[in-house]
Amino acid sequence: MKKIALALSSLIVVGGMFFFTACTETDTTKPVVTVTSNTDAFNRVEQFSTTSYTDPGATASDDKDGVLTCTVTGAVNMNSAGEYNLTYTATDAEGNFGTADRTVTVDGGLFLNGTYTAVDWVGAVQTAGNYTEYITPSSTVWNKVNFTKFGFYQNAAVYGTIAGTTITIPSQTVYCGLVPNDKNHTFSGSGTFTNSSPFIFTITFHDSSTDGEYDCHEVYTLN
């Protein structure tokens, strides 16, 4: 009888341990966070287009706790061209947390896109009459814009890059000008722009060719 009693006691103890262990199984599964409208239509916005970025947000779910609320860290400055990261976080009852990210591009190229009246100056001397200049954003590089007639030269297809409110003309050599004076010109420079009305901005640049070297500036007025 003692052996039977001991055996029953052992079964009860083992069964109880199993029941206790099963009931206290640790939850280690992270919530799943999904970014809402994670597309170029929402993630690439024109600089200065609004005073603040409208965040579509994110959703989160957990295998045990169901739908969870997300918190977001990071901010987007609509007045400064650049890439901004927003991180969404959701935490379940056990303290497990999941995250997801959204990269928002504030595109200065979209803002500068347009047709301008341009004037070229060497020092205090205007070198030519007003001319039409087209500034277009790159379709593949978010912070790049293209000029069609830089410095009033024929075929002067120069590009610039944008960061914040600064546009930079990286050093580049283009074959441009009018026959018989068409030749290689090397341009480099920078300028700043604002959300002003009427919209005018200036780029100061250096121009060098076999004719010599010139410090110039270009004044652009949006048509």
C-alpha atoms as a PDB file:
ATOM      1  CA  MET A   1       0.000   0.000   0.000  1.00  0.00           C
ATOM      2  CA  LYS A   2       2.856   2.367   0.843  1.00  0.00           C
ATOM      3  CA  LYS A   3       4.337   1.816  -2.628  1.00  0.00           C
ATOM      4  CA  ILE A   4       1.001   2.608  -4.273  1.00  0.00           C
ATOM      5  CA  ALA A   5       0.595   5.751  -2.158  1.00  0.00           C
ATOM      6  CA  LEU A   6       4.115   6.904  -3.027  1.00  0.00           C
ATOM      7  CA  ALA A   7       3.487   6.259  -6.705  1.00  0.00           C
ATOM      8  CA  LEU A   8       0.250   8.267  -6.639  1.00  0.00           C
ATOM      9  CA  SER A   9       1.980  11.100  -4.794  1.00  0.00           C
ATOM     10  CA  SER A  10       4.720  11.190  -7.419  1.00  0.00           C
ATOM     11  CA  LEU A  11       2.182  11.351 -10.237  1.00  0.00           C
ATOM     12  CA  ILE A  12       0.332  14.197  -8.527  1.00  0.00           C
ATOM     13  CA  VAL A  13       3.561  16.156  -8.009  1.00  0.00           C
ATOM     14  CA  VAL A  14       4.759  15.612 -11.599  1.00  0.00           C
ATOM     15  CA  GLY A  15       1.309  16.426 -13.001  1.00  0.00           C
ATOM     16  CA  GLY A  16       1.139  19.560 -10.924  1.00  0.00           C
ATOM     17  CA  MET A  17       4.575  20.659 -12.108  1.00  0.00           C
ATOM     18  CA  PHE A  18       3.543  20.087 -15.729  1.00  0.00           C
ATOM     19  CA  PHE A  19       0.296  22.014 -15.248  1.00  0.00           C
ATOM     20  CA  PHE A  20       2.129  24.894 -13.582  1.00  0.00           C
ATOM     21  CA  THR A  21       4.799  25.018 -16.267  1.00  0.00           C
ATOM     22  CA  ALA A  22       2.226  24.943 -19.071  1.00  0.00           C
ATOM     23  CA  CYS A  23       0.251  27.782 -17.493  1.00  0.00           C
ATOM     24  CA  THR A  24       3.308  30.018 -17.067  1.00  0.00           C
ATOM     25  CA  GLU A  25       4.849  29.526 -20.514  1.00  0.00           C
ATOM     26  CA  THR A  26       6.817  32.690 -21.389  1.00  0.00           C
ATOM     27  CA  ASP A  27       5.495  34.866 -24.238  1.00  0.00           C
ATOM     28  CA  THR A  28       8.483  35.870 -26.391  1.00  0.00           C
ATOM     29  CA  THR A  29       6.695  36.715 -29.650  1.00  0.00           C
ATOM     30  CA  LYS A  30       7.117  40.301 -30.796  1.00  0.00           C
ATOM     31  CA  PRO A  31       4.161  42.341 -32.057  1.00  0.00           C
ATOM     32  CA  VAL A  32       3.991  42.837 -35.823  1.00  0.00           C
ATOM     33  CA  VAL A  33       4.097  46.500 -36.868  1.00  0.00           C
ATOM     34  CA  THR A  34       2.929  47.465 -40.372  1.00  0.00           C
ATOM     35  CA  VAL A  35       3.553  50.911 -41.855  1.00  0.00           C
ATOM     36  CA  THR A  36       0.392  52.425 -43.342  1.00  0.00           C
ATOM     37  CA  SER A  37       0.539  53.705 -46.956  1.00  0.00           C
ATOM     38  CA  ASN A  38       4.257  53.026 -47.212  1.00  0.00           C
ATOM     39  CA  THR A  39       4.448  54.321 -50.797  1.00  0.00           C
ATOM     40  CA  ASP A  40       6.211  57.070 -52.692  1.00  0.00           C
ATOM     41  CA  ALA A  41       2.987  59.078 -52.809  1.00  0.00           C
ATOM     42  CA  PHE A  42       3.163  59.527 -49.020  1.00  0.00           C
ATOM     43  CA  ASN A  43       6.902  59.222 -48.454  1.00  0.00           C
ATOM     44  CA  ARG A  44       8.148  61.793 -51.003  1.00  0.00           C
ATOM     45  CA  VAL A  45       6.811  65.284 -50.358  1.00  0.00           C
ATOM     46  CA  GLU A  46       7.597  68.684 -51.841  1.00  0.00           C
ATOM     47  CA  GLN A  47       9.619  70.993 -49.632  1.00  0.00           C
ATOM     48  CA  PHE A  48       7.553  73.903 -48.203  1.00  0.00           C
ATOM     49  CA  SER A  49       4.312  72.317 -49.501  1.00  0.00           C
ATOM     50  CA  THR A  50       2.831  72.227 -45.978  1.00  0.00           C
ATOM     51  CA  THR A  51       3.839  73.476 -42.556  1.00  0.00           C
ATOM     52  CA  SER A  52       3.906  69.942 -41.119  1.00  0.00           C
ATOM     53  CA  TYR A  53       4.055  66.402 -42.438  1.00  0.00           C
ATOM     54  CA  THR A  54       0.829  64.381 -42.246  1.00  0.00           C
ATOM     55  CA  ASP A  55       1.897  60.958 -41.008  1.00  0.00           C
ATOM     56  CA  PRO A  56      -0.351  58.056 -42.156  1.00  0.00           C
ATOM     57  CA  GLY A  57       0.972  56.140 -39.145  1.00  0.00           C
ATOM     58  CA  ALA A  58       1.214  52.388 -38.610  1.00  0.00           C
ATOM     59  CA  THR A  59      -0.788  49.479 -37.194  1.00  0.00           C
ATOM     60  CA  ALA A  60       0.292  46.709 -34.830  1.00  0.00           C
ATOM     61  CA  SER A  61      -1.026  43.306 -33.765  1.00  0.00           C
ATOM     62  CA  ASP A  62       0.123  40.667 -31.289  1.00  0.00           C
ATOM     63  CA  ASP A  63      -0.583  36.929 -31.284  1.00  0.00           C
ATOM     64  CA  LYS A  64      -1.843  37.104 -27.684  1.00  0.00           C
ATOM     65  CA  ASP A  65      -2.866  40.710 -27.055  1.00  0.00           C
ATOM     66  CA  GLY A  66      -4.464  41.454 -30.410  1.00  0.00           C
ATOM     67  CA  VAL A  67      -4.483  45.020 -31.752  1.00  0.00           C
ATOM     68  CA  LEU A  68      -1.922  47.321 -30.126  1.00  0.00           C
ATOM     69  CA  THR A  69      -1.272  51.041 -30.246  1.00  0.00           C
ATOM     70  CA  CYS A  70       1.880  52.310 -31.953  1.00  0.00           C
ATOM     71  CA  THR A  71       4.058  55.161 -30.775  1.00  0.00           C
ATOM     72  CA  VAL A  72       6.251  57.077 -33.232  1.00  0.00           C
ATOM     73  CA  THR A  73       9.649  58.680 -32.795  1.00  0.00           C
ATOM     74  CA  GLY A  74      11.328  61.052 -35.229  1.00  0.00           C
ATOM     75  CA  ALA A  75      10.164  64.201 -37.000  1.00  0.00           C
ATOM     76  CA  VAL A  76       9.996  65.636 -40.512  1.00  0.00           C
ATOM     77  CA  ASN A  77      11.099  69.214 -41.256  1.00  0.00           C
ATOM     78  CA  MET A  78       9.116  70.394 -44.262  1.00  0.00           C
ATOM     79  CA  ASN A  79      11.335  73.488 -44.557  1.00  0.00           C
ATOM     80  CA  SER A  80      14.571  71.548 -45.056  1.00  0.00           C
ATOM     81  CA  ALA A  81      15.226  69.154 -47.936  1.00  0.00           C
ATOM     82  CA  GLY A  82      16.494  65.780 -46.770  1.00  0.00           C
ATOM     83  CA  GLU A  83      15.577  62.257 -45.709  1.00  0.00           C
ATOM     84  CA  TYR A  84      13.885  61.728 -42.348  1.00  0.00           C
ATOM     85  CA  ASN A  85      13.268  58.475 -40.479  1.00  0.00           C
ATOM     86  CA  LEU A  86      10.120  57.736 -38.483  1.00  0.00           C
ATOM     87  CA  THR A  87      10.146  54.646 -36.233  1.00  0.00           C
ATOM     88  CA  TYR A  88       6.902  53.043 -35.044  1.00  0.00           C
ATOM     89  CA  THR A  89       6.974  50.881 -31.905  1.00  0.00           C
ATOM     90  CA  ALA A  90       4.353  48.648 -30.279  1.00  0.00           C
ATOM     91  CA  THR A  91       4.791  46.762 -26.974  1.00  0.00           C
ATOM     92  CA  ASP A  92       2.720  43.806 -25.711  1.00  0.00           C
ATOM     93  CA  ALA A  93       1.759  42.948 -22.118  1.00  0.00           C
ATOM     94  CA  GLU A  94       4.933  40.889 -21.633  1.00  0.00           C
ATOM     95  CA  GLY A  95       7.169  43.768 -22.727  1.00  0.00           C
ATOM     96  CA  ASN A  96       7.997  42.359 -26.158  1.00  0.00           C
ATOM     97  CA  PHE A  97       8.222  45.135 -28.714  1.00  0.00           C
ATOM     98  CA  GLY A  98       8.179  45.297 -32.492  1.00  0.00           C
ATOM     99  CA  THR A  99       9.257  48.171 -34.722  1.00  0.00           C
ATOM    100  CA  ALA A 100       8.943  49.352 -38.312  1.00  0.00           C
ATOM    101  CA  ASP A 101      10.379  52.357 -40.128  1.00  0.00           C
ATOM    102  CA  ARG A 102       9.247  54.916 -42.672  1.00  0.00           C
ATOM    103  CA  THR A 103      11.705  57.090 -44.624  1.00  0.00           C
ATOM    104  CA  VAL A 104      10.241  60.434 -45.649  1.00  0.00           C
ATOM    105  CA  THR A 105      11.988  62.449 -48.342  1.00  0.00           C
ATOM    106  CA  VAL A 106      11.439  66.195 -48.307  1.00  0.00           C
ATOM    107  CA  ASP A 107      12.256  66.966 -51.933  1.00  0.00           C
ATOM    108  CA  GLY A 108      13.691  70.377 -52.771  1.00  0.00           C
ATOM    109  CA  GLY A 109      13.856  69.409 -56.433  1.00  0.00           C
ATOM    110  CA  LEU A 110      10.073  69.275 -56.616  1.00  0.00           C
ATOM    111  CA  PHE A 111       9.948  72.738 -55.072  1.00  0.00           C
ATOM    112  CA  LEU A 112      12.488  74.235 -57.513  1.00  0.00           C
ATOM    113  CA  ASN A 113      10.874  72.629 -60.543  1.00  0.00           C
ATOM    114  CA  GLY A 114       9.795  75.339 -62.958  1.00  0.00           C
ATOM    115  CA  THR A 115      10.527  77.870 -65.700  1.00  0.00           C
ATOM    116  CA  TYR A 116      12.687  80.829 -64.719  1.00  0.00           C
ATOM    117  CA  THR A 117      13.902  84.110 -66.098  1.00  0.00           C
ATOM    118  CA  ALA A 118      17.642  84.068 -65.489  1.00  0.00           C
ATOM    119  CA  VAL A 119      20.307  86.764 -65.517  1.00  0.00           C
ATOM    120  CA  ASP A 120      24.046  86.036 -65.565  1.00  0.00           C
ATOM    121  CA  TRP A 121      26.554  88.367 -63.921  1.00  0.00           C
ATOM    122  CA  VAL A 122      30.356  88.484 -63.873  1.00  0.00           C
ATOM    123  CA  GLY A 123      31.135  90.607 -60.862  1.00  0.00           C
ATOM    124  CA  ALA A 124      28.901  93.681 -61.154  1.00  0.00           C
ATOM    125  CA  VAL A 125      28.516  93.375 -64.949  1.00  0.00           C
ATOM    126  CA  GLN A 126      25.517  91.687 -66.534  1.00  0.00           C
ATOM    127  CA  THR A 127      26.915  89.556 -69.355  1.00  0.00           C
ATOM    128  CA  ALA A 128      23.773  89.064 -71.426  1.00  0.00           C
ATOM    129  CA  GLY A 129      20.074  89.791 -71.558  1.00  0.00           C
ATOM    130  CA  ASN A 130      17.482  87.853 -69.633  1.00  0.00           C
ATOM    131  CA  TYR A 131      16.995  84.298 -70.835  1.00  0.00           C
ATOM    132  CA  THR A 132      14.703  81.393 -70.063  1.00  0.00           C
ATOM    133  CA  GLU A 133      16.040  78.591 -67.885  1.00  0.00           C
ATOM    134  CA  TYR A 134      14.284  75.332 -67.052  1.00  0.00           C
ATOM    135  CA  ILE A 135      15.002  73.634 -63.749  1.00  0.00           C
ATOM    136  CA  THR A 136      13.716  70.069 -63.478  1.00  0.00           C
ATOM    137  CA  PRO A 137      14.060  67.454 -60.729  1.00  0.00           C
ATOM    138  CA  SER A 138      15.793  64.172 -61.463  1.00  0.00           C
ATOM    139  CA  SER A 139      13.422  61.237 -61.826  1.00  0.00           C
ATOM    140  CA  THR A 140      15.887  58.861 -60.147  1.00  0.00           C
ATOM    141  CA  VAL A 141      17.824  60.925 -57.555  1.00  0.00           C
ATOM    142  CA  TRP A 142      15.605  62.813 -55.121  1.00  0.00           C
ATOM    143  CA  ASN A 143      18.052  65.639 -54.283  1.00  0.00           C
ATOM    144  CA  LYS A 144      19.246  66.358 -57.831  1.00  0.00           C
ATOM    145  CA  VAL A 145      18.019  69.070 -60.246  1.00  0.00           C
ATOM    146  CA  ASN A 146      19.001  69.746 -63.839  1.00  0.00           C
ATOM    147  CA  PHE A 147      19.688  73.082 -65.545  1.00  0.00           C
ATOM    148  CA  THR A 148      19.353  73.383 -69.318  1.00  0.00           C
ATOM    149  CA  LYS A 149      21.299  76.566 -70.067  1.00  0.00           C
ATOM    150  CA  PHE A 150      23.581  77.291 -67.145  1.00  0.00           C
ATOM    151  CA  GLY A 151      25.425  80.624 -67.303  1.00  0.00           C
ATOM    152  CA  PHE A 152      23.615  81.557 -70.542  1.00  0.00           C
ATOM    153  CA  TYR A 153      25.655  78.986 -72.487  1.00  0.00           C
ATOM    154  CA  GLN A 154      24.122  76.885 -75.213  1.00  0.00           C
ATOM    155  CA  ASN A 155      24.057  73.154 -74.305  1.00  0.00           C
ATOM    156  CA  ALA A 156      25.212  73.842 -70.757  1.00  0.00           C
ATOM    157  CA  ALA A 157      23.347  70.941 -69.142  1.00  0.00           C
ATOM    158  CA  VAL A 158      24.531  71.248 -65.539  1.00  0.00           C
ATOM    159  CA  TYR A 159      23.099  69.542 -62.466  1.00  0.00           C
ATOM    160  CA  GLY A 160      22.876  70.601 -58.834  1.00  0.00           C
ATOM    161  CA  THR A 161      22.254  68.824 -55.550  1.00  0.00           C
ATOM    162  CA  ILE A 162      20.042  70.020 -52.711  1.00  0.00           C
ATOM    163  CA  ALA A 163      20.394  69.728 -48.937  1.00  0.00           C
ATOM    164  CA  GLY A 164      18.308  71.808 -46.572  1.00  0.00           C
ATOM    165  CA  THR A 165      17.884  75.116 -48.414  1.00  0.00           C
ATOM    166  CA  THR A 166      21.257  74.991 -50.164  1.00  0.00           C
ATOM    167  CA  ILE A 167      21.776  74.043 -53.789  1.00  0.00           C
ATOM    168  CA  THR A 168      25.295  72.998 -54.769  1.00  0.00           C
ATOM    169  CA  ILE A 169      26.747  72.813 -58.268  1.00  0.00           C
ATOM    170  CA  PRO A 170      29.382  70.059 -58.010  1.00  0.00           C
ATOM    171  CA  SER A 171      32.433  70.639 -60.193  1.00  0.00           C
ATOM    172  CA  GLN A 172      31.562  69.444 -63.679  1.00  0.00           C
ATOM    173  CA  THR A 173      32.875  70.099 -67.160  1.00  0.00           C
ATOM    174  CA  VAL A 174      30.508  70.492 -70.091  1.00  0.00           C
ATOM    175  CA  TYR A 175      31.175  71.294 -73.751  1.00  0.00           C
ATOM    176  CA  CYS A 176      29.043  74.342 -74.439  1.00  0.00           C
ATOM    177  CA  GLY A 177      28.823  77.770 -76.047  1.00  0.00           C
ATOM    178  CA  LEU A 178      28.182  79.079 -79.515  1.00  0.00           C
ATOM    179  CA  VAL A 179      30.202  78.143 -82.594  1.00  0.00           C
ATOM    180  CA  PRO A 180      33.072  78.902 -83.006  1.00  0.00           C
ATOM    181  CA  ASN A 181      33.517  79.581 -79.294  1.00  0.00           C
ATOM    182  CA  ASP A 182      31.992  76.358 -78.033  1.00  0.00           C
ATOM    183  CA  LYS A 183      34.477  74.645 -75.720  1.00  0.00           C
ATOM    184  CA  ASN A 184      34.815  72.937 -72.372  1.00  0.00           C
ATOM    185  CA  HIS A 185      33.702  74.982 -69.383  1.00  0.00           C
ATOM    186  CA  THR A 186      34.083  73.828 -65.798  1.00  0.00           C
ATOM    187  CA  PHE A 187      31.428  75.052 -63.368  1.00  0.00           C
ATOM    188  CA  SER A 188      31.159  74.783 -59.586  1.00  0.00           C
ATOM    189  CA  GLY A 189      29.327  76.797 -56.974  1.00  0.00           C
ATOM    190  CA  SER A 190      26.407  77.041 -54.573  1.00  0.00           C
ATOM    191  CA  GLY A 191      23.424  79.117 -53.573  1.00  0.00           C
ATOM    192  CA  THR A 192      20.506  79.213 -51.174  1.00  0.00           C
ATOM    193  CA  PHE A 193      16.764  79.485 -51.649  1.00  0.00           C
ATOM    194  CA  THR A 194      13.736  80.283 -49.507  1.00  0.00           C
ATOM    195  CA  ASN A 195       9.991  79.969 -49.743  1.00  0.00           C
ATOM    196  CA  SER A 196       9.597  83.591 -50.796  1.00  0.00           C
ATOM    197  CA  SER A 197       7.157  85.309 -53.113  1.00  0.00           C
ATOM    198  CA  PRO A 198       7.990  86.317 -55.766  1.00  0.00           C
ATOM    199  CA  PHE A 199      10.424  83.421 -55.791  1.00  0.00           C
ATOM    200  CA  ILE A 200      13.983  84.530 -56.560  1.00  0.00           C
ATOM    201  CA  PHE A 201      17.232  82.764 -55.770  1.00  0.00           C
ATOM    202  CA  THR A 202      20.898  83.228 -56.645  1.00  0.00           C
ATOM    203  CA  ILE A 203      23.727  80.798 -57.354  1.00  0.00           C
ATOM    204  CA  THR A 204      27.318  81.994 -57.163  1.00  0.00           C
ATOM    205  CA  PHE A 205      29.711  79.931 -59.234  1.00  0.00           C
ATOM    206  CA  HIS A 206      33.158  79.735 -60.792  1.00  0.00           C
ATOM    207  CA  ASP A 207      33.533  79.310 -64.549  1.00  0.00           C
ATOM    208  CA  SER A 208      36.837  78.281 -66.097  1.00  0.00           C
ATOM    209  CA  SER A 209      37.736  77.543 -69.718  1.00  0.00           C
ATOM    210  CA  THR A 210      40.501  78.283 -72.194  1.00  0.00           C
ATOM    211  CA  ASP A 211      39.123  81.852 -72.233  1.00  0.00           C
ATOM    212  CA  GLY A 212      40.029  82.303 -68.586  1.00  0.00           C
ATOM    213  CA  GLU A 213      38.417  82.041 -65.170  1.00  0.00           C
ATOM    214  CA  TYR A 214      35.418  84.009 -63.964  1.00  0.00           C
ATOM    215  CA  ASP A 215      33.544  84.361 -60.703  1.00  0.00           C
ATOM    216  CA  CYS A 216      29.877  84.703 -61.608  1.00  0.00           C
ATOM    217  CA  HIS A 217      26.416  84.622 -60.167  1.00  0.00           C
ATOM    218  CA  GLU A 218      23.101  83.666 -61.633  1.00  0.00           C
ATOM    219  CA  VAL A 219      19.808  85.218 -60.543  1.00  0.00           C
ATOM    220  CA  TYR A 220      16.663  83.124 -61.130  1.00  0.00           C
ATOM    221  CA  THR A 221      13.136  84.504 -60.970  1.00  0.00           C
ATOM    222  CA  LEU A 222      10.265  82.052 -61.254  1.00  0.00           C
ATOM    223  CA  ASN A 223       7.974  82.858 -64.186  1.00  0.00           C
END
